[in-house]
Amino acid sequence: MVPKPNRFHGRSAVSQMKGRSKHGQMMSVKSSPVRSGSPPRIAVVVSKKIDNRAVVRNRIRRRIFEAIRTGGHTSGADTPKDIVVYAKSARLAVAPYAEISAEVTSLL
């Protein structure tokens, strides 16, 4: 789980974020530099179009958060960034973790 100061709060905060987008096979990432004085934030968006079941959507969300956490993308890069990850495929729920981690690393 991401600490509370590092989460987006509310749907409008995610939808109003502007920044660069990168697209992969299973996910898309939007990132922008952090506003001055605020910590870097992260969000993972999994639509009901991916899967109607909340269990599957939450599994996808947890796997992406873990790939970001273990990849060191939240601990501090050259410039801290706000990151929003949009899941594009239901395959994320069953894909090998190494494949998810590799795609997250290539997009970030």
C-alpha atoms as a PDB file:
ATOM      1  CA  MET A   1       0.000   0.000   0.000  1.00  0.00           C
ATOM      2  CA  VAL A   2       1.126   3.515  -0.702  1.00  0.00           C
ATOM      3  CA  PRO A   3       1.428   5.883   2.287  1.00  0.00           C
ATOM      4  CA  LYS A   4      -1.437   8.372   2.581  1.00  0.00           C
ATOM      5  CA  PRO A   5       0.579  11.511   1.650  1.00  0.00           C
ATOM      6  CA  ASN A   6       1.665   9.781  -1.580  1.00  0.00           C
ATOM      7  CA  ARG A   7      -1.868   9.008  -2.836  1.00  0.00           C
ATOM      8  CA  PHE A   8      -4.134  11.033  -5.073  1.00  0.00           C
ATOM      9  CA  HIS A   9      -7.287  12.063  -3.237  1.00  0.00           C
ATOM     10  CA  GLY A  10     -10.476  12.101  -5.260  1.00  0.00           C
ATOM     11  CA  ARG A  11     -11.317  11.414  -8.848  1.00  0.00           C
ATOM     12  CA  SER A  12     -10.853  15.055  -9.859  1.00  0.00           C
ATOM     13  CA  ALA A  13      -7.213  15.069  -8.745  1.00  0.00           C
ATOM     14  CA  VAL A  14      -6.451  12.213 -11.147  1.00  0.00           C
ATOM     15  CA  SER A  15      -8.522  13.543 -14.037  1.00  0.00           C
ATOM     16  CA  GLN A  16      -7.039  17.057 -13.817  1.00  0.00           C
ATOM     17  CA  MET A  17      -3.433  15.868 -13.918  1.00  0.00           C
ATOM     18  CA  LYS A  18      -1.606  16.953 -17.040  1.00  0.00           C
ATOM     19  CA  GLY A  19       1.665  15.471 -18.180  1.00  0.00           C
ATOM     20  CA  ARG A  20       3.469  13.139 -20.524  1.00  0.00           C
ATOM     21  CA  SER A  21       1.846   9.843 -21.463  1.00  0.00           C
ATOM     22  CA  LYS A  22       3.588   6.625 -22.424  1.00  0.00           C
ATOM     23  CA  HIS A  23       1.750   3.567 -23.669  1.00  0.00           C
ATOM     24  CA  GLY A  24       2.648  -0.110 -23.354  1.00  0.00           C
ATOM     25  CA  GLN A  25       0.842  -3.308 -24.245  1.00  0.00           C
ATOM     26  CA  MET A  26      -0.844  -3.801 -20.883  1.00  0.00           C
ATOM     27  CA  MET A  27      -0.836  -0.310 -19.345  1.00  0.00           C
ATOM     28  CA  SER A  28      -0.402   3.404 -19.943  1.00  0.00           C
ATOM     29  CA  VAL A  29       1.424   5.821 -17.661  1.00  0.00           C
ATOM     30  CA  LYS A  30       0.910   9.547 -17.257  1.00  0.00           C
ATOM     31  CA  SER A  31       3.531  11.456 -15.288  1.00  0.00           C
ATOM     32  CA  SER A  32       4.236  15.069 -14.474  1.00  0.00           C
ATOM     33  CA  PRO A  33       6.667  16.894 -12.190  1.00  0.00           C
ATOM     34  CA  VAL A  34       5.500  17.371  -8.615  1.00  0.00           C
ATOM     35  CA  ARG A  35       4.021  20.697  -7.575  1.00  0.00           C
ATOM     36  CA  SER A  36       6.402  22.588  -5.317  1.00  0.00           C
ATOM     37  CA  GLY A  37       5.999  21.754  -1.657  1.00  0.00           C
ATOM     38  CA  SER A  38       4.025  18.549  -2.108  1.00  0.00           C
ATOM     39  CA  PRO A  39       5.215  14.925  -2.015  1.00  0.00           C
ATOM     40  CA  PRO A  40       5.146  12.753  -5.158  1.00  0.00           C
ATOM     41  CA  ARG A  41       1.795  10.979  -5.620  1.00  0.00           C
ATOM     42  CA  ILE A  42       0.797   7.772  -7.336  1.00  0.00           C
ATOM     43  CA  ALA A  43      -2.476   6.209  -8.504  1.00  0.00           C
ATOM     44  CA  VAL A  44      -3.466   3.057 -10.380  1.00  0.00           C
ATOM     45  CA  VAL A  45      -6.729   3.180 -12.340  1.00  0.00           C
ATOM     46  CA  VAL A  46      -8.435  -0.075 -13.329  1.00  0.00           C
ATOM     47  CA  SER A  47     -11.736   0.393 -15.152  1.00  0.00           C
ATOM     48  CA  LYS A  48     -14.732  -1.893 -14.945  1.00  0.00           C
ATOM     49  CA  LYS A  49     -14.239  -2.427 -18.676  1.00  0.00           C
ATOM     50  CA  ILE A  50     -11.160  -4.485 -17.779  1.00  0.00           C
ATOM     51  CA  ASP A  51     -13.138  -6.821 -15.508  1.00  0.00           C
ATOM     52  CA  ASN A  52     -16.473  -6.423 -13.719  1.00  0.00           C
ATOM     53  CA  ARG A  53     -15.256  -8.241 -10.613  1.00  0.00           C
ATOM     54  CA  ALA A  54     -13.734  -6.071  -7.884  1.00  0.00           C
ATOM     55  CA  VAL A  55     -11.495  -8.961  -6.795  1.00  0.00           C
ATOM     56  CA  VAL A  56      -9.751  -9.010 -10.172  1.00  0.00           C
ATOM     57  CA  ARG A  57      -9.464  -5.217 -10.383  1.00  0.00           C
ATOM     58  CA  ASN A  58      -7.937  -5.072  -6.902  1.00  0.00           C
ATOM     59  CA  ARG A  59      -5.490  -7.872  -7.771  1.00  0.00           C
ATOM     60  CA  ILE A  60      -4.335  -5.897 -10.812  1.00  0.00           C
ATOM     61  CA  ARG A  61      -4.000  -2.742  -8.704  1.00  0.00           C
ATOM     62  CA  ARG A  62      -1.942  -4.519  -6.025  1.00  0.00           C
ATOM     63  CA  ARG A  63       0.381  -6.123  -8.594  1.00  0.00           C
ATOM     64  CA  ILE A  64       1.101  -2.782 -10.275  1.00  0.00           C
ATOM     65  CA  PHE A  65       1.673  -1.016  -6.939  1.00  0.00           C
ATOM     66  CA  GLU A  66       4.113  -3.765  -5.940  1.00  0.00           C
ATOM     67  CA  ALA A  67       6.008  -3.496  -9.243  1.00  0.00           C
ATOM     68  CA  ILE A  68       6.355   0.254  -8.724  1.00  0.00           C
ATOM     69  CA  ARG A  69       7.394  -0.141  -5.078  1.00  0.00           C
ATOM     70  CA  THR A  70      10.021  -2.837  -5.682  1.00  0.00           C
ATOM     71  CA  GLY A  71      11.338  -1.056  -8.768  1.00  0.00           C
ATOM     72  CA  GLY A  72      12.290   1.941  -6.638  1.00  0.00           C
ATOM     73  CA  HIS A  73      10.193   4.376  -8.678  1.00  0.00           C
ATOM     74  CA  THR A  74       8.644   5.987  -5.612  1.00  0.00           C
ATOM     75  CA  SER A  75      11.765   6.370  -3.506  1.00  0.00           C
ATOM     76  CA  GLY A  76      13.159   9.251  -5.506  1.00  0.00           C
ATOM     77  CA  ALA A  77      14.404   9.750  -9.002  1.00  0.00           C
ATOM     78  CA  ASP A  78      16.149  12.793 -10.433  1.00  0.00           C
ATOM     79  CA  THR A  79      12.947  14.785 -10.111  1.00  0.00           C
ATOM     80  CA  PRO A  80       9.967  13.537  -8.103  1.00  0.00           C
ATOM     81  CA  LYS A  81       6.884  12.896 -10.223  1.00  0.00           C
ATOM     82  CA  ASP A  82       3.175  12.388  -9.883  1.00  0.00           C
ATOM     83  CA  ILE A  83       2.338   9.086 -11.593  1.00  0.00           C
ATOM     84  CA  VAL A  84      -0.996   7.687 -12.781  1.00  0.00           C
ATOM     85  CA  VAL A  85      -1.035   4.157 -14.218  1.00  0.00           C
ATOM     86  CA  TYR A  86      -4.020   3.136 -16.359  1.00  0.00           C
ATOM     87  CA  ALA A  87      -4.539  -0.621 -16.790  1.00  0.00           C
ATOM     88  CA  LYS A  88      -5.446  -1.578 -20.359  1.00  0.00           C
ATOM     89  CA  SER A  89      -5.630  -5.363 -20.212  1.00  0.00           C
ATOM     90  CA  ALA A  90      -7.207  -8.036 -18.015  1.00  0.00           C
ATOM     91  CA  ARG A  91      -4.067 -10.066 -18.694  1.00  0.00           C
ATOM     92  CA  LEU A  92      -2.415  -8.108 -15.864  1.00  0.00           C
ATOM     93  CA  ALA A  93      -4.234 -10.327 -13.347  1.00  0.00           C
ATOM     94  CA  VAL A  94      -2.568 -13.522 -14.594  1.00  0.00           C
ATOM     95  CA  ALA A  95       0.623 -12.321 -16.303  1.00  0.00           C
ATOM     96  CA  PRO A  96       3.940 -13.298 -14.708  1.00  0.00           C
ATOM     97  CA  TYR A  97       5.151 -10.695 -12.231  1.00  0.00           C
ATOM     98  CA  ALA A  98       8.437 -10.301 -14.133  1.00  0.00           C
ATOM     99  CA  GLU A  99       6.507  -9.217 -17.231  1.00  0.00           C
ATOM    100  CA  ILE A 100       4.516  -6.609 -15.288  1.00  0.00           C
ATOM    101  CA  SER A 101       7.637  -5.322 -13.568  1.00  0.00           C
ATOM    102  CA  ALA A 102       9.497  -5.045 -16.883  1.00  0.00           C
ATOM    103  CA  GLU A 103       6.678  -3.038 -18.475  1.00  0.00           C
ATOM    104  CA  VAL A 104       6.407  -0.691 -15.482  1.00  0.00           C
ATOM    105  CA  THR A 105      10.164  -0.113 -15.570  1.00  0.00           C
ATOM    106  CA  SER A 106      10.167   0.585 -19.309  1.00  0.00           C
ATOM    107  CA  LEU A 107       7.277   3.056 -19.037  1.00  0.00           C
ATOM    108  CA  LEU A 108       8.693   4.940 -16.053  1.00  0.00           C
END
